[in-house]
N, C-alpha and C. Protein backbone atom coordinates (compact mmCIF):
# COMPACT_ATOMS: atom_id res chain seq x y z
N MET A 1 -1.10 -10.98 6.96
CA MET A 1 0.03 -11.72 6.37
C MET A 1 0.99 -12.14 7.47
N GLU A 2 1.45 -13.39 7.41
CA GLU A 2 2.40 -13.87 8.40
C GLU A 2 3.73 -13.16 8.25
N GLU A 3 4.43 -13.06 9.35
CA GLU A 3 5.75 -12.44 9.31
C GLU A 3 6.71 -13.28 8.46
N ILE A 4 7.49 -12.62 7.65
CA ILE A 4 8.44 -13.31 6.78
C ILE A 4 9.68 -13.67 7.58
N ALA A 5 10.03 -14.95 7.56
CA ALA A 5 11.10 -15.43 8.43
C ALA A 5 12.46 -15.27 7.81
N ALA A 6 12.55 -15.21 6.49
CA ALA A 6 13.86 -15.17 5.85
C ALA A 6 13.78 -14.37 4.57
N TYR A 7 14.95 -13.95 4.13
CA TYR A 7 15.04 -13.25 2.87
C TYR A 7 14.76 -14.19 1.71
N MET A 8 14.22 -13.61 0.65
CA MET A 8 14.15 -14.32 -0.62
C MET A 8 15.30 -13.82 -1.47
N LYS A 9 15.96 -14.73 -2.17
CA LYS A 9 17.08 -14.34 -3.01
C LYS A 9 16.62 -14.16 -4.45
N LEU A 10 17.04 -13.04 -5.05
CA LEU A 10 16.76 -12.76 -6.46
C LEU A 10 18.03 -12.24 -7.12
N ILE A 11 18.28 -12.68 -8.34
CA ILE A 11 19.39 -12.14 -9.11
C ILE A 11 18.93 -10.87 -9.82
N PHE A 12 19.71 -9.83 -9.69
CA PHE A 12 19.46 -8.58 -10.41
C PHE A 12 20.31 -8.59 -11.66
N ALA A 13 19.66 -8.62 -12.81
CA ALA A 13 20.36 -8.81 -14.09
C ALA A 13 21.01 -7.52 -14.59
N THR A 14 22.05 -7.10 -13.89
CA THR A 14 22.79 -5.91 -14.30
C THR A 14 24.22 -5.98 -13.79
N ASN A 15 25.09 -5.24 -14.46
CA ASN A 15 26.45 -5.01 -13.96
C ASN A 15 26.65 -3.55 -13.57
N ASN A 16 25.57 -2.77 -13.59
CA ASN A 16 25.64 -1.35 -13.27
C ASN A 16 25.62 -1.16 -11.76
N GLN A 17 26.77 -0.81 -11.18
CA GLN A 17 26.87 -0.71 -9.74
C GLN A 17 25.98 0.38 -9.16
N HIS A 18 25.77 1.47 -9.91
CA HIS A 18 24.88 2.53 -9.44
C HIS A 18 23.46 1.99 -9.24
N LYS A 19 22.98 1.22 -10.22
CA LYS A 19 21.64 0.65 -10.09
C LYS A 19 21.57 -0.37 -8.95
N ILE A 20 22.62 -1.16 -8.81
CA ILE A 20 22.66 -2.13 -7.72
C ILE A 20 22.55 -1.43 -6.38
N ASP A 21 23.31 -0.36 -6.20
CA ASP A 21 23.29 0.38 -4.94
C ASP A 21 21.90 0.96 -4.66
N GLU A 22 21.28 1.54 -5.70
CA GLU A 22 19.97 2.15 -5.52
C GLU A 22 18.91 1.11 -5.18
N VAL A 23 18.94 -0.01 -5.88
CA VAL A 23 17.94 -1.04 -5.64
C VAL A 23 18.13 -1.66 -4.26
N ARG A 24 19.37 -1.92 -3.88
CA ARG A 24 19.60 -2.47 -2.53
C ARG A 24 19.16 -1.48 -1.46
N SER A 25 19.37 -0.21 -1.70
CA SER A 25 18.93 0.80 -0.75
C SER A 25 17.41 0.82 -0.62
N ALA A 26 16.73 0.66 -1.75
CA ALA A 26 15.27 0.70 -1.75
C ALA A 26 14.67 -0.55 -1.11
N ILE A 27 15.31 -1.69 -1.29
CA ILE A 27 14.75 -2.96 -0.81
C ILE A 27 15.16 -3.28 0.62
N GLU A 28 16.33 -2.87 1.02
CA GLU A 28 16.86 -3.26 2.33
C GLU A 28 15.90 -2.89 3.46
N VAL A 29 15.28 -1.71 3.36
CA VAL A 29 14.38 -1.28 4.43
C VAL A 29 13.11 -2.11 4.46
N GLN A 30 12.80 -2.81 3.34
CA GLN A 30 11.61 -3.64 3.31
C GLN A 30 11.83 -4.96 4.05
N ASN A 31 13.09 -5.29 4.32
CA ASN A 31 13.43 -6.50 5.08
C ASN A 31 12.86 -7.76 4.44
N ILE A 32 12.92 -7.81 3.11
CA ILE A 32 12.32 -8.94 2.40
C ILE A 32 13.31 -9.68 1.51
N LEU A 33 14.11 -8.93 0.76
CA LEU A 33 14.89 -9.55 -0.31
C LEU A 33 16.39 -9.44 -0.11
N GLU A 34 17.07 -10.46 -0.61
CA GLU A 34 18.52 -10.39 -0.76
C GLU A 34 18.82 -10.34 -2.25
N ILE A 35 19.50 -9.29 -2.67
CA ILE A 35 19.80 -9.09 -4.08
C ILE A 35 21.18 -9.66 -4.39
N ILE A 36 21.22 -10.51 -5.41
CA ILE A 36 22.48 -11.11 -5.87
C ILE A 36 22.81 -10.52 -7.22
N THR A 37 24.01 -10.02 -7.37
CA THR A 37 24.42 -9.45 -8.65
C THR A 37 24.79 -10.56 -9.63
N LEU A 38 24.91 -10.19 -10.89
CA LEU A 38 25.32 -11.17 -11.90
C LEU A 38 26.67 -11.79 -11.53
N ARG A 39 27.62 -10.96 -11.14
CA ARG A 39 28.94 -11.48 -10.80
C ARG A 39 28.88 -12.40 -9.60
N GLU A 40 28.09 -12.05 -8.60
CA GLU A 40 27.96 -12.90 -7.41
C GLU A 40 27.31 -14.24 -7.76
N ALA A 41 26.51 -14.25 -8.83
CA ALA A 41 25.89 -15.50 -9.29
C ALA A 41 26.79 -16.26 -10.26
N GLY A 42 27.97 -15.70 -10.54
CA GLY A 42 28.90 -16.35 -11.44
C GLY A 42 28.56 -16.18 -12.91
N ILE A 43 27.75 -15.14 -13.21
CA ILE A 43 27.34 -14.89 -14.60
C ILE A 43 28.14 -13.70 -15.12
N GLU A 44 29.11 -13.96 -15.95
CA GLU A 44 30.00 -12.91 -16.45
C GLU A 44 29.64 -12.54 -17.89
N ILE A 45 28.50 -11.88 -18.05
CA ILE A 45 28.08 -11.45 -19.38
C ILE A 45 27.57 -10.02 -19.33
N GLU A 46 27.61 -9.37 -20.47
CA GLU A 46 27.01 -8.05 -20.64
C GLU A 46 25.82 -8.24 -21.58
N ILE A 47 24.63 -8.02 -21.07
CA ILE A 47 23.42 -8.30 -21.86
C ILE A 47 23.06 -7.07 -22.68
N PRO A 48 22.91 -7.22 -23.99
CA PRO A 48 22.57 -6.08 -24.84
C PRO A 48 21.14 -5.60 -24.60
N GLU A 49 20.89 -4.36 -25.05
CA GLU A 49 19.55 -3.78 -24.96
C GLU A 49 19.14 -3.35 -26.37
N PRO A 50 18.74 -4.31 -27.22
CA PRO A 50 18.56 -4.01 -28.64
C PRO A 50 17.17 -3.53 -29.04
N TYR A 51 16.24 -3.48 -28.10
CA TYR A 51 14.85 -3.25 -28.47
C TYR A 51 14.44 -1.77 -28.40
N SER A 52 13.25 -1.49 -28.88
CA SER A 52 12.79 -0.10 -29.02
C SER A 52 11.93 0.37 -27.86
N THR A 53 11.69 -0.49 -26.87
CA THR A 53 10.94 -0.08 -25.68
C THR A 53 11.65 -0.54 -24.42
N LEU A 54 11.39 0.16 -23.33
CA LEU A 54 11.96 -0.23 -22.03
C LEU A 54 11.45 -1.60 -21.62
N GLU A 55 10.18 -1.87 -21.89
CA GLU A 55 9.59 -3.14 -21.51
C GLU A 55 10.29 -4.31 -22.20
N GLU A 56 10.55 -4.17 -23.50
CA GLU A 56 11.20 -5.25 -24.24
C GLU A 56 12.63 -5.48 -23.75
N ASN A 57 13.36 -4.40 -23.50
CA ASN A 57 14.73 -4.54 -23.02
C ASN A 57 14.78 -5.20 -21.64
N ALA A 58 13.90 -4.76 -20.75
CA ALA A 58 13.87 -5.33 -19.41
C ALA A 58 13.53 -6.82 -19.48
N SER A 59 12.54 -7.16 -20.30
CA SER A 59 12.14 -8.55 -20.45
C SER A 59 13.26 -9.40 -21.04
N HIS A 60 13.95 -8.85 -22.03
CA HIS A 60 15.06 -9.59 -22.66
C HIS A 60 16.15 -9.92 -21.64
N LYS A 61 16.50 -8.96 -20.82
CA LYS A 61 17.57 -9.17 -19.83
C LYS A 61 17.17 -10.20 -18.77
N SER A 62 15.96 -10.07 -18.26
CA SER A 62 15.54 -11.02 -17.23
C SER A 62 15.39 -12.44 -17.79
N ARG A 63 14.85 -12.55 -19.00
CA ARG A 63 14.70 -13.87 -19.60
C ARG A 63 16.06 -14.52 -19.89
N THR A 64 17.02 -13.69 -20.31
CA THR A 64 18.36 -14.21 -20.57
C THR A 64 18.98 -14.81 -19.31
N VAL A 65 18.90 -14.07 -18.22
CA VAL A 65 19.50 -14.54 -16.97
C VAL A 65 18.72 -15.71 -16.39
N TYR A 66 17.42 -15.66 -16.49
CA TYR A 66 16.61 -16.78 -15.97
C TYR A 66 16.94 -18.08 -16.69
N ALA A 67 17.10 -17.98 -18.02
CA ALA A 67 17.46 -19.17 -18.80
C ALA A 67 18.82 -19.71 -18.38
N LEU A 68 19.77 -18.83 -18.10
CA LEU A 68 21.09 -19.26 -17.67
C LEU A 68 21.06 -19.93 -16.31
N THR A 69 20.26 -19.40 -15.40
CA THR A 69 20.19 -19.99 -14.06
C THR A 69 19.50 -21.35 -14.10
N ARG A 70 18.52 -21.49 -14.94
CA ARG A 70 17.85 -22.79 -15.06
C ARG A 70 18.79 -23.82 -15.67
N ALA A 71 19.54 -23.38 -16.68
CA ALA A 71 20.47 -24.30 -17.33
C ALA A 71 21.56 -24.78 -16.37
N SER A 72 21.93 -23.92 -15.43
CA SER A 72 22.99 -24.26 -14.48
C SER A 72 22.46 -25.03 -13.27
N GLY A 73 21.13 -25.13 -13.18
CA GLY A 73 20.53 -25.81 -12.04
C GLY A 73 20.35 -24.93 -10.82
N LEU A 74 20.64 -23.62 -10.97
CA LEU A 74 20.52 -22.71 -9.84
C LEU A 74 19.05 -22.47 -9.50
N ALA A 75 18.19 -22.39 -10.54
CA ALA A 75 16.73 -22.30 -10.37
C ALA A 75 16.35 -21.20 -9.38
N ILE A 76 16.81 -20.01 -9.64
CA ILE A 76 16.51 -18.88 -8.77
C ILE A 76 15.80 -17.80 -9.58
N GLY A 77 14.90 -17.09 -8.95
CA GLY A 77 14.21 -16.01 -9.64
C GLY A 77 15.15 -14.86 -9.95
N CYS A 78 14.76 -14.05 -10.91
CA CYS A 78 15.60 -12.90 -11.26
C CYS A 78 14.73 -11.74 -11.73
N PHE A 79 15.34 -10.57 -11.75
CA PHE A 79 14.64 -9.41 -12.29
C PHE A 79 15.64 -8.50 -12.97
N SER A 80 15.14 -7.69 -13.87
CA SER A 80 15.98 -6.70 -14.55
C SER A 80 15.22 -5.38 -14.59
N GLU A 81 15.93 -4.34 -14.97
CA GLU A 81 15.33 -3.01 -14.99
C GLU A 81 15.89 -2.23 -16.16
N ASP A 82 15.01 -1.48 -16.82
CA ASP A 82 15.47 -0.55 -17.84
C ASP A 82 14.79 0.78 -17.58
N THR A 83 15.57 1.84 -17.70
CA THR A 83 15.09 3.18 -17.38
C THR A 83 15.36 4.12 -18.53
N GLY A 84 14.44 5.04 -18.76
CA GLY A 84 14.64 6.06 -19.77
C GLY A 84 14.21 7.42 -19.27
N LEU A 85 14.90 8.44 -19.74
CA LEU A 85 14.50 9.83 -19.49
C LEU A 85 13.69 10.28 -20.71
N GLU A 86 12.46 10.72 -20.49
CA GLU A 86 11.57 11.12 -21.57
C GLU A 86 11.29 12.62 -21.46
N VAL A 87 11.79 13.37 -22.45
CA VAL A 87 11.69 14.83 -22.42
C VAL A 87 10.57 15.27 -23.37
N GLN A 88 9.63 16.01 -22.84
CA GLN A 88 8.44 16.36 -23.59
C GLN A 88 8.75 17.15 -24.86
N ALA A 89 9.61 18.16 -24.76
CA ALA A 89 9.92 19.01 -25.91
C ALA A 89 10.69 18.27 -27.00
N LEU A 90 11.26 17.12 -26.68
CA LEU A 90 12.02 16.33 -27.64
C LEU A 90 11.25 15.09 -28.07
N ASN A 91 9.93 15.13 -27.90
CA ASN A 91 9.07 14.02 -28.31
C ASN A 91 9.46 12.69 -27.66
N GLY A 92 9.85 12.79 -26.39
CA GLY A 92 10.16 11.59 -25.63
C GLY A 92 11.61 11.17 -25.64
N GLU A 93 12.47 11.88 -26.39
CA GLU A 93 13.90 11.57 -26.34
C GLU A 93 14.46 11.93 -24.96
N PRO A 94 15.57 11.27 -24.59
CA PRO A 94 16.25 10.16 -25.26
C PRO A 94 15.58 8.81 -25.07
N GLY A 95 14.66 8.69 -24.12
CA GLY A 95 13.87 7.49 -23.96
C GLY A 95 14.69 6.22 -23.81
N VAL A 96 14.36 5.23 -24.63
CA VAL A 96 15.03 3.94 -24.53
C VAL A 96 16.52 4.03 -24.86
N LYS A 97 16.91 5.11 -25.53
CA LYS A 97 18.32 5.30 -25.90
C LYS A 97 19.08 6.16 -24.88
N SER A 98 18.53 6.34 -23.70
CA SER A 98 19.11 7.26 -22.71
C SER A 98 20.57 6.99 -22.42
N ALA A 99 20.95 5.73 -22.25
CA ALA A 99 22.33 5.40 -21.89
C ALA A 99 23.30 5.64 -23.04
N ARG A 100 22.80 5.58 -24.27
CA ARG A 100 23.66 5.72 -25.46
C ARG A 100 23.25 6.92 -26.32
N TYR A 101 22.70 7.92 -25.68
CA TYR A 101 22.16 9.07 -26.41
C TYR A 101 23.22 9.76 -27.26
N ALA A 102 24.43 9.86 -26.73
CA ALA A 102 25.51 10.55 -27.45
C ALA A 102 26.55 9.58 -28.01
N GLY A 103 26.26 8.28 -27.98
CA GLY A 103 27.22 7.33 -28.52
C GLY A 103 27.27 6.04 -27.73
N GLU A 104 27.90 5.03 -28.31
CA GLU A 104 27.96 3.71 -27.70
C GLU A 104 28.85 3.64 -26.47
N ASP A 105 29.65 4.67 -26.21
CA ASP A 105 30.52 4.64 -25.04
C ASP A 105 29.76 4.92 -23.74
N LYS A 106 28.48 5.27 -23.85
CA LYS A 106 27.61 5.50 -22.69
C LYS A 106 28.21 6.52 -21.71
N SER A 107 28.68 7.64 -22.25
CA SER A 107 29.27 8.70 -21.43
C SER A 107 28.15 9.57 -20.85
N PHE A 108 28.08 9.60 -19.51
CA PHE A 108 27.08 10.44 -18.86
C PHE A 108 27.26 11.91 -19.25
N ASP A 109 28.51 12.34 -19.27
CA ASP A 109 28.80 13.75 -19.56
C ASP A 109 28.37 14.13 -20.98
N LYS A 110 28.69 13.28 -21.94
CA LYS A 110 28.31 13.55 -23.33
C LYS A 110 26.80 13.51 -23.51
N ASN A 111 26.14 12.57 -22.83
CA ASN A 111 24.69 12.47 -22.93
C ASN A 111 24.01 13.75 -22.43
N ILE A 112 24.48 14.24 -21.29
CA ILE A 112 23.92 15.47 -20.75
C ILE A 112 24.21 16.64 -21.67
N GLY A 113 25.43 16.69 -22.22
CA GLY A 113 25.78 17.77 -23.14
C GLY A 113 24.86 17.80 -24.35
N LYS A 114 24.58 16.64 -24.91
CA LYS A 114 23.69 16.56 -26.08
C LYS A 114 22.28 16.99 -25.71
N LEU A 115 21.81 16.55 -24.55
CA LEU A 115 20.47 16.91 -24.10
C LEU A 115 20.32 18.41 -23.92
N LEU A 116 21.27 19.03 -23.23
CA LEU A 116 21.19 20.47 -23.00
C LEU A 116 21.29 21.25 -24.30
N HIS A 117 22.11 20.78 -25.22
CA HIS A 117 22.23 21.44 -26.52
C HIS A 117 20.90 21.40 -27.28
N LYS A 118 20.22 20.25 -27.26
CA LYS A 118 18.97 20.13 -28.00
C LYS A 118 17.84 20.92 -27.34
N LEU A 119 17.99 21.22 -26.06
CA LEU A 119 16.95 21.98 -25.36
C LEU A 119 17.22 23.49 -25.34
N GLN A 120 18.31 23.92 -25.91
CA GLN A 120 18.62 25.36 -25.95
C GLN A 120 17.48 26.12 -26.60
N GLY A 121 17.02 27.16 -25.92
CA GLY A 121 15.96 28.00 -26.45
C GLY A 121 14.56 27.48 -26.19
N SER A 122 14.44 26.32 -25.60
CA SER A 122 13.12 25.75 -25.33
C SER A 122 12.64 26.17 -23.95
N SER A 123 11.42 26.68 -23.89
CA SER A 123 10.83 27.06 -22.60
C SER A 123 10.17 25.87 -21.91
N ASN A 124 9.93 24.82 -22.67
CA ASN A 124 9.32 23.61 -22.11
C ASN A 124 10.43 22.68 -21.64
N ARG A 125 10.59 22.56 -20.34
CA ARG A 125 11.64 21.71 -19.78
C ARG A 125 11.06 20.49 -19.07
N GLU A 126 9.79 20.21 -19.29
CA GLU A 126 9.16 19.08 -18.61
C GLU A 126 9.76 17.75 -19.09
N ALA A 127 9.95 16.86 -18.13
CA ALA A 127 10.52 15.54 -18.43
C ALA A 127 10.09 14.56 -17.36
N ARG A 128 10.33 13.31 -17.63
CA ARG A 128 10.06 12.30 -16.61
C ARG A 128 11.04 11.14 -16.77
N PHE A 129 11.42 10.57 -15.64
CA PHE A 129 12.14 9.30 -15.64
C PHE A 129 11.09 8.19 -15.55
N ARG A 130 11.28 7.14 -16.35
CA ARG A 130 10.38 5.99 -16.29
C ARG A 130 11.21 4.72 -16.19
N ALA A 131 10.92 3.93 -15.19
CA ALA A 131 11.63 2.66 -14.97
C ALA A 131 10.66 1.50 -15.14
N VAL A 132 11.12 0.45 -15.80
CA VAL A 132 10.32 -0.77 -15.96
C VAL A 132 11.13 -1.94 -15.43
N ILE A 133 10.53 -2.69 -14.53
CA ILE A 133 11.16 -3.88 -13.97
C ILE A 133 10.45 -5.12 -14.52
N SER A 134 11.25 -6.08 -14.96
CA SER A 134 10.74 -7.39 -15.36
C SER A 134 11.20 -8.41 -14.33
N LEU A 135 10.25 -9.02 -13.66
CA LEU A 135 10.52 -10.08 -12.68
C LEU A 135 10.10 -11.42 -13.28
N ILE A 136 10.99 -12.38 -13.24
CA ILE A 136 10.62 -13.74 -13.63
C ILE A 136 10.85 -14.66 -12.45
N ILE A 137 9.78 -15.29 -12.06
CA ILE A 137 9.83 -16.19 -10.91
C ILE A 137 8.83 -17.32 -11.16
N GLU A 138 9.24 -18.53 -10.91
CA GLU A 138 8.40 -19.71 -11.15
C GLU A 138 7.91 -19.73 -12.59
N ASP A 139 8.81 -19.38 -13.50
CA ASP A 139 8.56 -19.44 -14.95
C ASP A 139 7.56 -18.40 -15.45
N LYS A 140 7.17 -17.45 -14.62
CA LYS A 140 6.22 -16.43 -15.04
C LYS A 140 6.85 -15.04 -14.93
N GLU A 141 6.48 -14.18 -15.89
CA GLU A 141 7.02 -12.81 -15.91
C GLU A 141 5.98 -11.82 -15.41
N HIS A 142 6.47 -10.83 -14.66
CA HIS A 142 5.62 -9.76 -14.15
C HIS A 142 6.35 -8.43 -14.38
N LEU A 143 5.63 -7.42 -14.86
CA LEU A 143 6.21 -6.11 -15.13
C LEU A 143 5.70 -5.08 -14.13
N PHE A 144 6.62 -4.21 -13.70
CA PHE A 144 6.29 -3.15 -12.76
C PHE A 144 6.90 -1.84 -13.27
N GLU A 145 6.13 -0.76 -13.20
CA GLU A 145 6.58 0.53 -13.72
C GLU A 145 6.62 1.58 -12.62
N GLY A 146 7.64 2.43 -12.68
CA GLY A 146 7.71 3.57 -11.78
C GLY A 146 8.03 4.83 -12.58
N VAL A 147 7.33 5.92 -12.28
CA VAL A 147 7.49 7.16 -13.03
C VAL A 147 7.78 8.31 -12.07
N CYS A 148 8.75 9.15 -12.43
CA CYS A 148 9.06 10.35 -11.66
C CYS A 148 9.01 11.55 -12.58
N PRO A 149 7.98 12.39 -12.50
CA PRO A 149 7.92 13.60 -13.32
C PRO A 149 8.83 14.69 -12.76
N GLY A 150 9.30 15.56 -13.63
CA GLY A 150 10.16 16.65 -13.18
C GLY A 150 10.49 17.58 -14.33
N ARG A 151 11.67 18.20 -14.24
CA ARG A 151 12.08 19.15 -15.28
C ARG A 151 13.59 19.10 -15.45
N ILE A 152 14.03 19.53 -16.63
CA ILE A 152 15.45 19.60 -16.93
C ILE A 152 15.93 21.04 -16.74
N ILE A 153 16.95 21.23 -15.92
CA ILE A 153 17.51 22.56 -15.75
C ILE A 153 18.60 22.78 -16.80
N ASP A 154 19.11 24.02 -16.89
CA ASP A 154 20.01 24.35 -18.00
C ASP A 154 21.49 24.21 -17.68
N HIS A 155 21.81 23.69 -16.48
CA HIS A 155 23.22 23.47 -16.13
C HIS A 155 23.29 22.36 -15.09
N ARG A 156 24.45 21.75 -14.97
CA ARG A 156 24.64 20.63 -14.05
C ARG A 156 24.75 21.13 -12.61
N ARG A 157 24.13 20.37 -11.68
CA ARG A 157 24.26 20.68 -10.26
C ARG A 157 24.36 19.39 -9.47
N GLY A 158 25.37 19.30 -8.62
CA GLY A 158 25.50 18.16 -7.72
C GLY A 158 26.47 17.10 -8.21
N GLY A 159 26.97 16.32 -7.28
CA GLY A 159 27.97 15.30 -7.61
C GLY A 159 27.57 13.90 -7.23
N GLU A 160 26.32 13.69 -6.82
CA GLU A 160 25.86 12.35 -6.46
C GLU A 160 25.16 11.70 -7.65
N GLY A 161 24.72 10.46 -7.45
CA GLY A 161 23.94 9.80 -8.47
C GLY A 161 24.72 9.47 -9.72
N PHE A 162 23.99 9.34 -10.84
CA PHE A 162 24.61 8.99 -12.11
C PHE A 162 23.65 9.37 -13.23
N GLY A 163 24.09 9.17 -14.47
CA GLY A 163 23.22 9.46 -15.60
C GLY A 163 22.86 10.93 -15.70
N TYR A 164 21.58 11.20 -15.86
CA TYR A 164 21.10 12.57 -16.04
C TYR A 164 20.77 13.26 -14.72
N ASP A 165 21.13 12.64 -13.60
CA ASP A 165 20.79 13.18 -12.29
C ASP A 165 21.20 14.64 -12.08
N PRO A 166 22.34 15.10 -12.61
CA PRO A 166 22.75 16.49 -12.35
C PRO A 166 21.86 17.55 -13.00
N VAL A 167 21.01 17.17 -13.95
CA VAL A 167 20.17 18.18 -14.62
C VAL A 167 18.68 17.90 -14.44
N PHE A 168 18.33 16.94 -13.59
CA PHE A 168 16.92 16.60 -13.40
C PHE A 168 16.46 16.97 -12.00
N VAL A 169 15.41 17.81 -11.92
CA VAL A 169 14.79 18.18 -10.64
C VAL A 169 13.39 17.57 -10.62
N PRO A 170 13.11 16.66 -9.70
CA PRO A 170 11.78 16.04 -9.65
C PRO A 170 10.73 17.03 -9.16
N ASP A 171 9.51 16.84 -9.60
CA ASP A 171 8.42 17.68 -9.13
C ASP A 171 8.31 17.60 -7.62
N GLY A 172 8.14 18.77 -6.99
CA GLY A 172 8.04 18.83 -5.55
C GLY A 172 9.37 19.02 -4.84
N ALA A 173 10.46 19.13 -5.62
CA ALA A 173 11.80 19.31 -5.04
C ALA A 173 12.44 20.57 -5.61
N ILE A 174 13.48 21.04 -4.93
CA ILE A 174 14.25 22.18 -5.43
C ILE A 174 15.66 21.76 -5.82
N HIS A 175 16.04 20.55 -5.46
CA HIS A 175 17.37 20.04 -5.75
C HIS A 175 17.32 19.02 -6.87
N THR A 176 18.43 18.90 -7.60
CA THR A 176 18.54 17.84 -8.59
C THR A 176 18.76 16.51 -7.87
N PHE A 177 18.55 15.42 -8.60
CA PHE A 177 18.85 14.11 -8.02
C PHE A 177 20.31 14.03 -7.58
N ALA A 178 21.19 14.70 -8.31
CA ALA A 178 22.62 14.64 -8.00
C ALA A 178 22.99 15.46 -6.77
N GLU A 179 22.06 16.25 -6.26
CA GLU A 179 22.28 17.00 -5.02
C GLU A 179 21.67 16.30 -3.82
N MET A 180 21.05 15.15 -4.04
CA MET A 180 20.37 14.42 -2.97
C MET A 180 21.16 13.20 -2.54
N ASP A 181 21.05 12.85 -1.26
CA ASP A 181 21.58 11.57 -0.84
C ASP A 181 20.55 10.50 -1.19
N MET A 182 20.87 9.24 -0.95
CA MET A 182 20.01 8.15 -1.37
C MET A 182 18.64 8.21 -0.70
N THR A 183 18.61 8.59 0.56
CA THR A 183 17.34 8.66 1.28
C THR A 183 16.41 9.68 0.65
N ASP A 184 16.95 10.87 0.35
CA ASP A 184 16.12 11.91 -0.27
C ASP A 184 15.70 11.52 -1.68
N LYS A 185 16.62 10.93 -2.44
CA LYS A 185 16.28 10.54 -3.80
C LYS A 185 15.17 9.51 -3.81
N ASN A 186 15.18 8.60 -2.84
CA ASN A 186 14.17 7.55 -2.78
C ASN A 186 12.77 8.09 -2.50
N ARG A 187 12.67 9.33 -2.04
CA ARG A 187 11.35 9.94 -1.83
C ARG A 187 10.66 10.22 -3.16
N PHE A 188 11.44 10.35 -4.22
CA PHE A 188 10.89 10.71 -5.53
C PHE A 188 11.14 9.64 -6.60
N SER A 189 12.12 8.81 -6.40
CA SER A 189 12.71 7.98 -7.45
C SER A 189 11.73 7.07 -8.18
N HIS A 190 11.81 7.11 -9.49
CA HIS A 190 11.09 6.18 -10.37
C HIS A 190 11.49 4.74 -10.08
N ARG A 191 12.77 4.52 -9.86
CA ARG A 191 13.26 3.17 -9.59
C ARG A 191 12.70 2.65 -8.26
N LYS A 192 12.66 3.50 -7.26
CA LYS A 192 12.09 3.13 -5.96
C LYS A 192 10.61 2.79 -6.10
N LYS A 193 9.88 3.56 -6.91
CA LYS A 193 8.45 3.28 -7.09
C LYS A 193 8.23 1.92 -7.74
N ALA A 194 9.05 1.60 -8.74
CA ALA A 194 8.92 0.30 -9.39
C ALA A 194 9.31 -0.83 -8.44
N ILE A 195 10.38 -0.62 -7.66
CA ILE A 195 10.81 -1.63 -6.69
C ILE A 195 9.74 -1.85 -5.63
N ASP A 196 9.09 -0.79 -5.18
CA ASP A 196 8.03 -0.93 -4.18
C ASP A 196 6.91 -1.83 -4.71
N LYS A 197 6.59 -1.69 -6.01
CA LYS A 197 5.56 -2.53 -6.61
C LYS A 197 6.02 -4.00 -6.66
N LEU A 198 7.29 -4.20 -6.99
CA LEU A 198 7.84 -5.57 -7.01
C LEU A 198 7.78 -6.17 -5.62
N VAL A 199 8.22 -5.42 -4.62
CA VAL A 199 8.22 -5.92 -3.24
C VAL A 199 6.79 -6.19 -2.79
N GLY A 200 5.86 -5.29 -3.16
CA GLY A 200 4.46 -5.50 -2.79
C GLY A 200 3.90 -6.78 -3.37
N TYR A 201 4.25 -7.03 -4.63
CA TYR A 201 3.78 -8.27 -5.26
C TYR A 201 4.34 -9.49 -4.56
N LEU A 202 5.66 -9.49 -4.32
CA LEU A 202 6.29 -10.65 -3.69
C LEU A 202 5.74 -10.91 -2.29
N SER A 203 5.56 -9.84 -1.52
CA SER A 203 5.10 -10.01 -0.15
C SER A 203 3.67 -10.54 -0.09
N LYS A 204 2.87 -10.20 -1.11
CA LYS A 204 1.47 -10.62 -1.13
C LYS A 204 1.27 -11.97 -1.80
N GLU A 205 1.99 -12.19 -2.92
CA GLU A 205 1.71 -13.37 -3.74
C GLU A 205 2.71 -14.52 -3.57
N VAL A 206 3.91 -14.20 -3.11
CA VAL A 206 4.95 -15.23 -3.06
C VAL A 206 5.38 -15.55 -1.63
N LEU A 207 5.60 -14.53 -0.84
CA LEU A 207 6.17 -14.72 0.49
C LEU A 207 5.13 -14.76 1.60
N ALA A 208 3.86 -14.60 1.24
CA ALA A 208 2.82 -14.56 2.28
C ALA A 208 2.64 -15.93 2.94
């Protein structure tokens, strides 16, 4: 493959700064992409996540932003991401409802509190984070998935990250995601795995 001479620009269809930071961290070392946020693209909307699967929500967000960029004449590719924590003992909860598990205010603290309460007395603490990315480029959609298996501990540890990071320990680690810096988290991260697949596709099929 020929050396890539310039970055490709993609809009990331989110206003979640934590996700923006993680994705930029994962992609920057690949020296391939420049990520543009919704606000940087002049898109001031909050896109709902009304569907029952991560795939549908990710697709809805990317299609919404892609349609807006085409209508404005920007004609730039975009991608979105939806992530869920799937806990085995809870039959996959909170899953697609992870961000709103304890209510529409999307409180990380309340979500963790509800999760730990529902797992009280359970010896099965197995769980996994699953991320789905929807990329739309040249009018075509491509989906990429990343999975991080691990377990839920019974108390919060660490002050980094966001979401359920303080109670999730990935397989092969002794620390929670919230006890890791970005470099260490990227060794296990579901989001990093999905991003690597996106970057691999672009480098082979688009930027080659």
